[in-house]
Protein backbone atom coordinates (compact mmCIF):
# COMPACT_ATOMS: atom_id res chain seq x y z
CA MET A 1 0.00 0.00 0.00
CA THR A 2 1.42 3.37 -1.02
CA GLU A 3 2.30 5.70 1.84
CA THR A 4 1.22 9.31 1.27
CA ILE A 5 2.50 12.22 3.36
CA ALA A 6 1.43 15.83 2.77
CA GLY A 7 -0.05 14.75 -0.55
CA ILE A 8 3.22 13.19 -1.73
CA ASP A 9 3.38 9.47 -2.50
CA ILE A 10 6.44 7.65 -1.21
CA PRO A 11 7.62 5.49 -4.13
CA ASP A 12 6.48 1.92 -3.55
CA THR A 13 8.79 -0.01 -5.84
CA GLU A 14 11.30 -2.75 -5.08
CA LEU A 15 14.13 -0.28 -5.71
CA ALA A 16 12.65 2.30 -3.34
CA ARG A 17 11.94 -0.29 -0.65
CA GLU A 18 15.52 -1.53 -0.83
CA ALA A 19 16.80 2.05 -0.63
CA THR A 20 14.66 2.64 2.46
CA GLU A 21 15.93 -0.52 4.12
CA LEU A 22 19.57 0.29 3.35
CA VAL A 23 19.33 3.80 4.81
CA HIS A 24 17.27 2.64 7.79
CA LYS A 25 20.01 0.14 8.71
CA ALA A 26 22.94 2.53 8.17
CA ALA A 27 21.59 5.80 9.54
CA ALA A 28 20.40 6.88 12.96
CA PRO A 29 16.80 8.14 13.19
CA LEU A 30 18.14 11.71 12.92
CA LEU A 31 19.49 11.16 9.39
CA PHE A 32 16.77 8.75 8.30
CA ASN A 33 14.00 11.18 9.19
CA HIS A 34 15.95 14.09 7.72
CA SER A 35 16.40 12.23 4.44
CA ARG A 36 12.71 11.39 4.19
CA ARG A 37 11.83 15.03 4.89
CA VAL A 38 14.26 16.09 2.16
CA PHE A 39 12.38 13.90 -0.32
CA LEU A 40 9.03 15.27 0.80
CA PHE A 41 10.09 18.92 0.78
CA ALA A 42 11.87 18.45 -2.55
CA SER A 43 8.68 16.99 -4.02
CA LEU A 44 6.51 19.76 -2.59
CA LYS A 45 8.82 22.48 -3.85
CA GLY A 46 9.01 20.77 -7.21
CA ARG A 47 5.22 20.88 -7.37
CA TYR A 48 5.23 24.57 -6.43
CA ARG A 49 7.94 25.42 -8.99
CA LYS A 50 6.50 23.10 -11.65
CA ILE A 51 9.65 20.98 -11.76
CA GLU A 52 8.90 17.36 -12.64
CA ALA A 53 11.33 14.67 -11.56
CA ASP A 54 11.34 10.90 -11.61
CA PRO A 55 10.02 10.11 -8.09
CA GLU A 56 12.13 6.97 -7.75
CA LEU A 57 15.36 8.75 -8.70
CA LEU A 58 14.54 11.70 -6.46
CA TYR A 59 13.82 9.34 -3.59
CA VAL A 60 17.20 7.64 -3.91
CA GLY A 61 18.94 11.03 -4.15
CA ALA A 62 17.24 12.28 -1.01
CA MET A 63 17.68 9.08 0.97
CA PHE A 64 21.36 8.59 0.10
CA HIS A 65 22.45 12.23 0.31
CA ASP A 66 23.89 12.01 3.85
CA LEU A 67 25.06 8.39 3.90
CA GLY A 68 28.63 9.69 3.81
CA LEU A 69 28.10 10.94 7.36
CA THR A 70 27.27 7.47 8.70
CA GLU A 71 29.77 5.20 10.38
CA THR A 72 28.90 2.45 7.92
CA PHE A 73 29.68 4.35 4.75
CA ARG A 74 31.91 7.33 5.55
CA ARG A 75 35.44 7.46 4.20
CA THR A 76 38.29 9.79 5.05
CA ASP A 77 39.75 10.50 1.61
CA GLN A 78 36.94 12.45 -0.06
CA ARG A 79 34.03 14.77 0.68
CA PHE A 80 31.12 13.14 2.50
CA GLU A 81 28.83 14.21 -0.31
CA VAL A 82 30.82 12.09 -2.77
CA ASP A 83 30.56 9.07 -0.48
CA GLY A 84 26.78 9.16 -0.76
CA ALA A 85 26.84 10.05 -4.44
CA ASP A 86 29.03 7.05 -5.28
CA LEU A 87 26.79 4.72 -3.29
CA ALA A 88 23.65 6.01 -5.01
CA ARG A 89 25.17 5.73 -8.48
CA ASP A 90 26.23 2.12 -7.91
CA PHE A 91 22.89 1.26 -6.31
CA LEU A 92 20.95 2.63 -9.27
CA LEU A 93 23.15 0.96 -11.87
CA ASP A 94 22.83 -2.34 -10.01
CA HIS A 95 19.05 -1.94 -10.21
CA GLY A 96 18.99 -1.37 -13.94
CA ARG A 97 18.71 2.40 -14.14
CA SER A 98 20.66 4.08 -16.93
CA ALA A 99 24.06 5.72 -16.61
CA ALA A 100 22.48 9.12 -17.33
CA GLU A 101 19.89 8.63 -14.60
CA ALA A 102 22.53 7.51 -12.13
CA ARG A 103 24.66 10.50 -13.09
CA ALA A 104 21.83 12.94 -12.39
CA VAL A 105 21.39 11.48 -8.92
CA TRP A 106 25.15 11.44 -8.35
CA LEU A 107 25.29 15.14 -9.14
CA GLY A 108 22.32 15.91 -6.91
CA ILE A 109 24.04 14.36 -3.93
CA ALA A 110 27.57 15.53 -4.71
CA LEU A 111 26.41 19.13 -5.16
CA HIS A 112 23.81 19.39 -2.42
CA THR A 113 26.06 21.65 -0.34
CA THR A 114 27.14 23.76 -3.33
CA PRO A 115 24.59 26.57 -3.78
CA GLY A 116 23.88 28.09 -7.16
CA ILE A 117 24.84 25.11 -9.35
CA PRO A 118 22.28 22.28 -8.93
CA ASN A 119 19.28 24.42 -9.88
CA HIS A 120 20.69 24.72 -13.42
CA LEU A 121 20.88 20.94 -13.86
CA GLU A 122 18.45 18.04 -14.20
CA PRO A 123 15.29 18.00 -12.04
CA GLU A 124 16.55 15.03 -10.01
CA THR A 125 19.74 17.02 -9.35
CA ALA A 126 18.09 20.33 -8.55
CA LEU A 127 15.37 19.08 -6.26
CA VAL A 128 17.65 17.31 -3.79
CA SER A 129 19.32 20.63 -3.02
CA LEU A 130 15.95 22.35 -2.73
CA GLY A 131 14.82 19.75 -0.21
CA VAL A 132 18.02 20.04 1.81
CA GLU A 133 17.84 23.84 1.82
CA THR A 134 14.31 23.67 3.17
CA ASP A 135 14.93 21.14 5.93
CA VAL A 136 18.35 22.35 7.10
CA LEU A 137 18.27 26.07 6.36
CA GLY A 138 14.55 26.82 6.31
CA MET A 139 14.85 28.41 2.87
CA ASP A 140 11.69 29.21 0.87
CA LEU A 141 9.36 27.72 3.46
CA ASP A 142 6.69 29.98 1.98
CA GLN A 143 6.59 27.56 -0.97
CA VAL A 144 5.26 24.86 1.37
CA THR A 145 2.00 25.37 3.24
CA ALA A 146 1.82 25.24 7.03
CA LYS A 147 -0.45 22.20 6.74
CA GLU A 148 2.11 20.41 4.53
CA VAL A 149 4.96 21.26 6.89
CA ALA A 150 2.96 19.94 9.84
CA ALA A 151 2.20 16.69 8.01
CA VAL A 152 5.85 16.15 7.06
CA VAL A 153 7.12 16.83 10.58
CA ALA A 154 4.41 14.68 12.15
CA ALA A 155 5.53 11.74 10.01
CA HIS A 156 9.24 12.43 10.48
CA PRO A 157 9.88 14.49 13.61
CA ARG A 158 12.85 16.81 14.07
CA PRO A 159 13.56 17.00 17.84
CA ASP A 160 16.39 19.47 18.50
CA PHE A 161 17.30 19.03 14.84
CA LYS A 162 19.48 22.11 14.49
CA ASN A 163 21.94 21.02 17.18
CA ASN A 164 21.80 17.34 16.32
CA ILE A 165 22.44 17.77 12.60
CA LEU A 166 25.40 20.02 13.30
CA GLN A 167 26.85 17.32 15.56
CA ALA A 168 26.26 14.71 12.83
CA PHE A 169 28.08 16.92 10.32
CA TYR A 170 31.01 17.26 12.70
CA GLU A 171 31.21 13.54 13.44
CA GLY A 172 31.12 12.77 9.73
CA MET A 173 33.86 15.24 8.79
CA LYS A 174 36.22 15.50 11.77
CA ASP A 175 38.52 12.78 10.43
CA ARG A 176 38.85 14.36 6.97
CA PRO A 177 39.29 18.09 7.54
CA ASP A 178 41.18 18.62 4.29
CA THR A 179 38.09 17.61 2.31
CA THR A 180 36.19 20.65 3.60
CA PHE A 181 38.39 23.19 1.83
CA GLY A 182 36.38 25.47 -0.43
CA THR A 183 33.03 24.37 0.98
CA MET A 184 30.61 25.50 3.66
CA ASN A 185 31.57 22.35 5.57
CA ASP A 186 34.63 24.03 7.03
CA ASP A 187 32.23 26.29 8.97
CA VAL A 188 31.29 23.21 11.00
CA LEU A 189 34.86 22.26 11.80
CA ALA A 190 35.78 25.86 12.60
CA HIS A 191 32.95 25.87 15.14
CA PHE A 192 33.49 22.46 16.76
CA ALA A 193 37.09 21.32 16.20
CA PRO A 194 39.75 22.77 18.52
CA GLY A 195 42.76 23.98 16.58
CA PHE A 196 41.14 23.70 13.16
CA THR A 197 42.48 26.32 10.77
CA ARG A 198 40.73 27.05 7.50
CA ALA A 199 42.83 26.90 4.34
CA ASP A 200 42.82 30.29 2.66
CA PHE A 201 42.37 30.32 -1.12
CA VAL A 202 44.27 33.60 -1.51
CA ASP A 203 47.21 32.29 0.54
CA ILE A 204 47.31 29.13 -1.57
CA ILE A 205 47.56 31.19 -4.76
CA THR A 206 50.12 33.69 -3.50
CA GLY A 207 52.19 30.96 -1.86
CA SER A 208 52.17 28.56 -4.79
CA ALA A 209 55.28 27.20 -6.46
CA TRP A 210 54.96 29.61 -9.40
CA PRO A 211 57.85 32.08 -9.29
CA GLU A 212 56.04 35.33 -10.13
């Protein structure tokens, strides 16, 4: 039976069910509920903005977008966003989706913390960022009704979400500080990690090996 929240159907396919199970096992309730809200807010904002995406692809993008923060899947040699993007791409290809479809989802996850780029790309890429921006930053909440917000949060609560998601970001990135250079992620380490020093882009240029 299809689950419907705030007028949005949760995809009820074998692929979607397997994605749900994978994320449910790997992620704490904080990230699982956040990822489901991202799908729901992405879908609602897509409806408002008249952006049509493949629901199954959007669901995988939303559900996998923070898997790189989990103990099960996080690495230390690349950005956490790429961890989740790689997992989603391989998952989709293993389930028979095309390389182009998997690429759109990969980009949606890899770029979900890079403002100003995803909204120019495929719907499945753009909407993941829109969902994240709504749930984490509260951006464009006026594009979702109060009734819809209440329904989403009732289904997937966000107790002390602001503090808890910041802690999850820190835990997922503290062992790979170099990967945060040039991203908003270094804001988290600058706040939580004693002794963390941001790399400065200007200093890197002026101090490079070029002689001039």
